[in-house]
Amino acid sequence: MINLASSQWEIFSAVLVCAGATFATRALPFYMSSFSFLSSLEVVEKYIGQMIMVVLVFYSLKGINLFAYPYAIPEISGVAVAILVHLISKNALFSIILSTAVYMCLLRFL
């Protein structure tokens, strides 16, 4: 652990490790772009938005309680509005804003 009582060598080595890790994470994508597994990366690149949204939906719904008031009505309604609005309008920003508004209103007034 680095603190005020740390020696100069400990602080220097911590900065050096952080700088090396930062450089490696910045340079690694350029180095890896020359390999042949680019087609699998294209699939991930194409569907990364949907993957992140699925993870976020499950993470946000993990703590709901179906057996206590308000019986997860705001959460389920918000997800349903987001799905319906996105299927109708195909506008992600509009569906996010409208479903958030529905969720907040139900959370406030239920």
N, C-alpha and C. Protein backbone atom coordinates (compact mmCIF):
# COMPACT_ATOMS: atom_id res chain seq x y z
N MET A 1 0.85 -1.18 0.00
CA MET A 1 0.00 0.00 0.00
C MET A 1 0.89 1.23 0.00
N ILE A 2 0.58 2.15 -0.87
CA ILE A 2 1.36 3.38 -0.98
C ILE A 2 0.71 4.44 -0.09
N ASN A 3 1.51 5.05 0.78
CA ASN A 3 1.02 6.14 1.62
C ASN A 3 2.14 7.16 1.79
N LEU A 4 1.96 8.10 2.68
CA LEU A 4 2.97 9.16 2.87
C LEU A 4 4.28 8.62 3.42
N ALA A 5 4.24 7.49 4.09
CA ALA A 5 5.46 6.92 4.67
C ALA A 5 6.20 6.02 3.68
N SER A 6 5.72 5.87 2.46
CA SER A 6 6.37 5.00 1.47
C SER A 6 7.67 5.62 0.99
N SER A 7 8.59 4.75 0.64
CA SER A 7 9.87 5.25 0.14
C SER A 7 9.72 5.73 -1.29
N GLN A 8 10.73 6.45 -1.76
CA GLN A 8 10.70 6.96 -3.13
C GLN A 8 10.71 5.82 -4.13
N TRP A 9 11.42 4.73 -3.82
CA TRP A 9 11.48 3.58 -4.71
C TRP A 9 10.11 2.92 -4.85
N GLU A 10 9.35 2.80 -3.78
CA GLU A 10 8.02 2.21 -3.85
C GLU A 10 7.08 3.07 -4.69
N ILE A 11 7.15 4.37 -4.51
CA ILE A 11 6.30 5.28 -5.28
C ILE A 11 6.68 5.23 -6.76
N PHE A 12 8.00 5.25 -7.03
CA PHE A 12 8.47 5.21 -8.42
C PHE A 12 8.05 3.90 -9.09
N SER A 13 8.18 2.78 -8.39
CA SER A 13 7.81 1.49 -8.99
C SER A 13 6.29 1.40 -9.21
N ALA A 14 5.49 1.98 -8.33
CA ALA A 14 4.04 1.99 -8.53
C ALA A 14 3.66 2.82 -9.75
N VAL A 15 4.29 3.96 -9.91
CA VAL A 15 4.02 4.81 -11.08
C VAL A 15 4.47 4.10 -12.35
N LEU A 16 5.61 3.42 -12.30
CA LEU A 16 6.13 2.69 -13.45
C LEU A 16 5.20 1.54 -13.86
N VAL A 17 4.68 0.81 -12.89
CA VAL A 17 3.75 -0.28 -13.19
C VAL A 17 2.46 0.27 -13.79
N CYS A 18 1.95 1.35 -13.24
CA CYS A 18 0.72 1.96 -13.78
C CYS A 18 0.95 2.47 -15.20
N ALA A 19 2.09 3.09 -15.45
CA ALA A 19 2.39 3.59 -16.79
C ALA A 19 2.53 2.43 -17.78
N GLY A 20 3.17 1.35 -17.37
CA GLY A 20 3.30 0.18 -18.24
C GLY A 20 1.96 -0.46 -18.55
N ALA A 21 1.10 -0.58 -17.55
CA ALA A 21 -0.22 -1.16 -17.76
C ALA A 21 -1.06 -0.27 -18.69
N THR A 22 -0.97 1.03 -18.52
CA THR A 22 -1.71 1.95 -19.39
C THR A 22 -1.21 1.86 -20.82
N PHE A 23 0.09 1.83 -21.00
CA PHE A 23 0.65 1.71 -22.35
C PHE A 23 0.24 0.39 -23.00
N ALA A 24 0.28 -0.69 -22.23
CA ALA A 24 -0.08 -2.00 -22.79
C ALA A 24 -1.53 -2.04 -23.22
N THR A 25 -2.44 -1.46 -22.42
CA THR A 25 -3.85 -1.48 -22.81
C THR A 25 -4.13 -0.58 -24.01
N ARG A 26 -3.31 0.44 -24.20
CA ARG A 26 -3.49 1.30 -25.37
C ARG A 26 -2.87 0.70 -26.62
N ALA A 27 -1.75 0.00 -26.51
CA ALA A 27 -1.05 -0.53 -27.66
C ALA A 27 -1.56 -1.90 -28.09
N LEU A 28 -2.16 -2.66 -27.18
CA LEU A 28 -2.60 -4.02 -27.48
C LEU A 28 -3.59 -4.10 -28.63
N PRO A 29 -4.60 -3.25 -28.75
CA PRO A 29 -5.52 -3.36 -29.89
C PRO A 29 -4.83 -3.18 -31.24
N PHE A 30 -3.83 -2.31 -31.33
CA PHE A 30 -3.12 -2.12 -32.59
C PHE A 30 -2.27 -3.34 -32.93
N TYR A 31 -1.71 -3.97 -31.93
CA TYR A 31 -0.91 -5.16 -32.14
C TYR A 31 -1.79 -6.34 -32.54
N MET A 32 -2.95 -6.45 -31.92
CA MET A 32 -3.84 -7.58 -32.17
C MET A 32 -4.60 -7.46 -33.49
N SER A 33 -4.66 -6.28 -34.08
CA SER A 33 -5.42 -6.12 -35.32
C SER A 33 -4.78 -6.83 -36.49
N SER A 34 -3.52 -7.24 -36.37
CA SER A 34 -2.87 -7.94 -37.46
C SER A 34 -3.10 -9.45 -37.42
N PHE A 35 -3.77 -9.96 -36.39
CA PHE A 35 -4.01 -11.40 -36.30
C PHE A 35 -5.22 -11.80 -37.12
N SER A 36 -5.40 -13.11 -37.29
CA SER A 36 -6.44 -13.61 -38.19
C SER A 36 -7.79 -13.81 -37.52
N PHE A 37 -7.91 -13.62 -36.23
CA PHE A 37 -9.20 -13.82 -35.57
C PHE A 37 -10.06 -12.57 -35.62
N LEU A 38 -9.85 -11.74 -36.62
CA LEU A 38 -10.58 -10.49 -36.76
C LEU A 38 -12.07 -10.73 -37.01
N SER A 39 -12.44 -11.83 -37.66
CA SER A 39 -13.85 -12.08 -37.94
C SER A 39 -14.65 -12.27 -36.65
N SER A 40 -14.06 -12.91 -35.65
CA SER A 40 -14.78 -13.06 -34.39
C SER A 40 -14.90 -11.72 -33.67
N LEU A 41 -13.92 -10.86 -33.82
CA LEU A 41 -14.03 -9.52 -33.23
C LEU A 41 -15.10 -8.68 -33.92
N GLU A 42 -15.30 -8.92 -35.21
CA GLU A 42 -16.35 -8.18 -35.92
C GLU A 42 -17.73 -8.57 -35.41
N VAL A 43 -17.92 -9.81 -35.05
CA VAL A 43 -19.20 -10.25 -34.49
C VAL A 43 -19.42 -9.58 -33.14
N VAL A 44 -18.39 -9.56 -32.30
CA VAL A 44 -18.51 -8.90 -31.00
C VAL A 44 -18.77 -7.42 -31.19
N GLU A 45 -18.07 -6.80 -32.14
CA GLU A 45 -18.27 -5.37 -32.40
C GLU A 45 -19.69 -5.08 -32.87
N LYS A 46 -20.26 -5.98 -33.64
CA LYS A 46 -21.61 -5.77 -34.16
C LYS A 46 -22.66 -5.84 -33.06
N TYR A 47 -22.47 -6.76 -32.08
CA TYR A 47 -23.49 -7.01 -31.08
C TYR A 47 -23.13 -6.52 -29.68
N ILE A 48 -22.09 -5.72 -29.53
CA ILE A 48 -21.66 -5.30 -28.20
C ILE A 48 -22.71 -4.43 -27.51
N GLY A 49 -23.42 -3.62 -28.24
CA GLY A 49 -24.46 -2.78 -27.64
C GLY A 49 -25.57 -3.60 -27.02
N GLN A 50 -26.03 -4.61 -27.76
CA GLN A 50 -27.08 -5.47 -27.23
C GLN A 50 -26.59 -6.27 -26.03
N MET A 51 -25.34 -6.73 -26.08
CA MET A 51 -24.80 -7.49 -24.96
C MET A 51 -24.73 -6.65 -23.69
N ILE A 52 -24.30 -5.42 -23.84
CA ILE A 52 -24.21 -4.53 -22.69
C ILE A 52 -25.60 -4.23 -22.13
N MET A 53 -26.58 -4.01 -23.00
CA MET A 53 -27.93 -3.73 -22.54
C MET A 53 -28.53 -4.92 -21.79
N VAL A 54 -28.28 -6.13 -22.25
CA VAL A 54 -28.80 -7.32 -21.56
C VAL A 54 -28.19 -7.42 -20.17
N VAL A 55 -26.89 -7.19 -20.07
CA VAL A 55 -26.24 -7.24 -18.77
C VAL A 55 -26.80 -6.17 -17.84
N LEU A 56 -27.01 -4.96 -18.35
CA LEU A 56 -27.54 -3.87 -17.53
C LEU A 56 -28.97 -4.15 -17.09
N VAL A 57 -29.79 -4.73 -17.95
CA VAL A 57 -31.17 -5.04 -17.57
C VAL A 57 -31.19 -6.08 -16.45
N PHE A 58 -30.41 -7.14 -16.61
CA PHE A 58 -30.39 -8.16 -15.56
C PHE A 58 -29.80 -7.61 -14.27
N TYR A 59 -28.79 -6.75 -14.38
CA TYR A 59 -28.20 -6.17 -13.17
C TYR A 59 -29.21 -5.26 -12.45
N SER A 60 -29.97 -4.49 -13.21
CA SER A 60 -30.92 -3.58 -12.58
C SER A 60 -32.13 -4.31 -12.01
N LEU A 61 -32.45 -5.48 -12.53
CA LEU A 61 -33.61 -6.22 -12.04
C LEU A 61 -33.26 -7.27 -10.99
N LYS A 62 -32.01 -7.38 -10.60
CA LYS A 62 -31.63 -8.44 -9.69
C LYS A 62 -32.15 -8.24 -8.27
N GLY A 63 -32.45 -7.03 -7.88
CA GLY A 63 -32.85 -6.77 -6.51
C GLY A 63 -34.33 -6.54 -6.30
N ILE A 64 -35.15 -6.84 -7.28
CA ILE A 64 -36.57 -6.56 -7.11
C ILE A 64 -37.22 -7.64 -6.25
N ASN A 65 -38.26 -7.23 -5.55
CA ASN A 65 -39.01 -8.14 -4.69
C ASN A 65 -40.44 -8.21 -5.19
N LEU A 66 -40.83 -9.37 -5.68
CA LEU A 66 -42.17 -9.53 -6.25
C LEU A 66 -43.25 -9.70 -5.19
N PHE A 67 -42.85 -9.91 -3.94
CA PHE A 67 -43.81 -10.23 -2.89
C PHE A 67 -44.00 -9.11 -1.88
N ALA A 68 -43.44 -7.95 -2.12
CA ALA A 68 -43.60 -6.80 -1.24
C ALA A 68 -44.03 -5.60 -2.08
N TYR A 69 -44.76 -4.69 -1.44
CA TYR A 69 -45.23 -3.50 -2.13
C TYR A 69 -44.04 -2.73 -2.67
N PRO A 70 -44.04 -2.24 -3.85
CA PRO A 70 -45.04 -2.15 -4.92
C PRO A 70 -45.00 -3.30 -5.92
N TYR A 71 -44.53 -4.47 -5.50
CA TYR A 71 -44.58 -5.69 -6.29
C TYR A 71 -43.87 -5.59 -7.64
N ALA A 72 -42.80 -4.82 -7.69
CA ALA A 72 -41.96 -4.64 -8.88
C ALA A 72 -42.72 -4.05 -10.06
N ILE A 73 -43.81 -3.37 -9.79
CA ILE A 73 -44.59 -2.74 -10.87
C ILE A 73 -43.78 -1.66 -11.59
N PRO A 74 -43.06 -0.77 -10.89
CA PRO A 74 -42.29 0.24 -11.63
C PRO A 74 -41.20 -0.37 -12.52
N GLU A 75 -40.50 -1.37 -12.03
CA GLU A 75 -39.42 -1.97 -12.80
C GLU A 75 -39.93 -2.70 -14.03
N ILE A 76 -40.96 -3.53 -13.83
CA ILE A 76 -41.51 -4.29 -14.95
C ILE A 76 -42.16 -3.35 -15.97
N SER A 77 -42.84 -2.31 -15.50
CA SER A 77 -43.45 -1.34 -16.41
C SER A 77 -42.39 -0.58 -17.20
N GLY A 78 -41.31 -0.20 -16.54
CA GLY A 78 -40.24 0.50 -17.24
C GLY A 78 -39.61 -0.34 -18.32
N VAL A 79 -39.35 -1.60 -18.03
CA VAL A 79 -38.78 -2.50 -19.03
C VAL A 79 -39.77 -2.72 -20.18
N ALA A 80 -41.04 -2.91 -19.86
CA ALA A 80 -42.05 -3.12 -20.90
C ALA A 80 -42.20 -1.91 -21.80
N VAL A 81 -42.19 -0.71 -21.21
CA VAL A 81 -42.29 0.51 -22.01
C VAL A 81 -41.07 0.66 -22.91
N ALA A 82 -39.89 0.35 -22.37
CA ALA A 82 -38.67 0.44 -23.18
C ALA A 82 -38.73 -0.50 -24.37
N ILE A 83 -39.18 -1.72 -24.14
CA ILE A 83 -39.26 -2.70 -25.23
C ILE A 83 -40.29 -2.27 -26.27
N LEU A 84 -41.48 -1.89 -25.81
CA LEU A 84 -42.54 -1.50 -26.75
C LEU A 84 -42.19 -0.27 -27.56
N VAL A 85 -41.68 0.75 -26.89
CA VAL A 85 -41.34 1.99 -27.60
C VAL A 85 -40.21 1.74 -28.59
N HIS A 86 -39.24 0.91 -28.20
CA HIS A 86 -38.14 0.65 -29.13
C HIS A 86 -38.60 -0.18 -30.33
N LEU A 87 -39.52 -1.12 -30.11
CA LEU A 87 -40.04 -1.89 -31.23
C LEU A 87 -40.87 -1.03 -32.18
N ILE A 88 -41.57 -0.05 -31.63
CA ILE A 88 -42.42 0.80 -32.46
C ILE A 88 -41.59 1.88 -33.17
N SER A 89 -40.73 2.57 -32.43
CA SER A 89 -40.06 3.74 -33.01
C SER A 89 -38.64 3.47 -33.49
N LYS A 90 -38.00 2.40 -33.04
CA LYS A 90 -36.60 2.08 -33.37
C LYS A 90 -35.64 3.21 -32.98
N ASN A 91 -36.02 3.97 -31.97
CA ASN A 91 -35.20 5.07 -31.49
C ASN A 91 -34.78 4.76 -30.06
N ALA A 92 -33.50 4.42 -29.88
CA ALA A 92 -33.02 3.98 -28.57
C ALA A 92 -33.10 5.10 -27.54
N LEU A 93 -32.73 6.30 -27.93
CA LEU A 93 -32.74 7.42 -26.98
C LEU A 93 -34.16 7.71 -26.50
N PHE A 94 -35.11 7.71 -27.42
CA PHE A 94 -36.50 7.97 -27.05
C PHE A 94 -37.03 6.89 -26.12
N SER A 95 -36.71 5.64 -26.40
CA SER A 95 -37.20 4.56 -25.55
C SER A 95 -36.56 4.61 -24.16
N ILE A 96 -35.30 4.97 -24.08
CA ILE A 96 -34.65 5.09 -22.78
C ILE A 96 -35.25 6.23 -21.97
N ILE A 97 -35.46 7.37 -22.59
CA ILE A 97 -36.00 8.54 -21.88
C ILE A 97 -37.44 8.26 -21.43
N LEU A 98 -38.26 7.71 -22.31
CA LEU A 98 -39.65 7.47 -21.95
C LEU A 98 -39.79 6.38 -20.88
N SER A 99 -39.01 5.32 -20.99
CA SER A 99 -39.10 4.28 -19.97
C SER A 99 -38.57 4.75 -18.62
N THR A 100 -37.55 5.59 -18.64
CA THR A 100 -37.06 6.16 -17.38
C THR A 100 -38.10 7.07 -16.76
N ALA A 101 -38.78 7.85 -17.57
CA ALA A 101 -39.83 8.73 -17.05
C ALA A 101 -40.98 7.91 -16.45
N VAL A 102 -41.38 6.85 -17.14
CA VAL A 102 -42.45 5.99 -16.61
C VAL A 102 -42.03 5.36 -15.30
N TYR A 103 -40.81 4.86 -15.25
CA TYR A 103 -40.30 4.22 -14.03
C TYR A 103 -40.26 5.22 -12.87
N MET A 104 -39.75 6.41 -13.11
CA MET A 104 -39.64 7.41 -12.05
C MET A 104 -41.02 7.86 -11.57
N CYS A 105 -41.96 8.06 -12.48
CA CYS A 105 -43.31 8.45 -12.08
C CYS A 105 -43.99 7.36 -11.25
N LEU A 106 -43.87 6.12 -11.70
CA LEU A 106 -44.47 5.02 -10.93
C LEU A 106 -43.78 4.85 -9.57
N LEU A 107 -42.50 5.03 -9.54
CA LEU A 107 -41.77 4.91 -8.27
C LEU A 107 -42.19 6.01 -7.31
N ARG A 108 -42.46 7.17 -7.84
CA ARG A 108 -42.84 8.32 -7.01
C ARG A 108 -44.28 8.21 -6.52
N PHE A 109 -45.19 7.77 -7.40
CA PHE A 109 -46.61 7.83 -7.07
C PHE A 109 -47.20 6.51 -6.57
N LEU A 110 -46.47 5.44 -6.61
CA LEU A 110 -47.00 4.16 -6.07
C LEU A 110 -46.61 4.00 -4.62
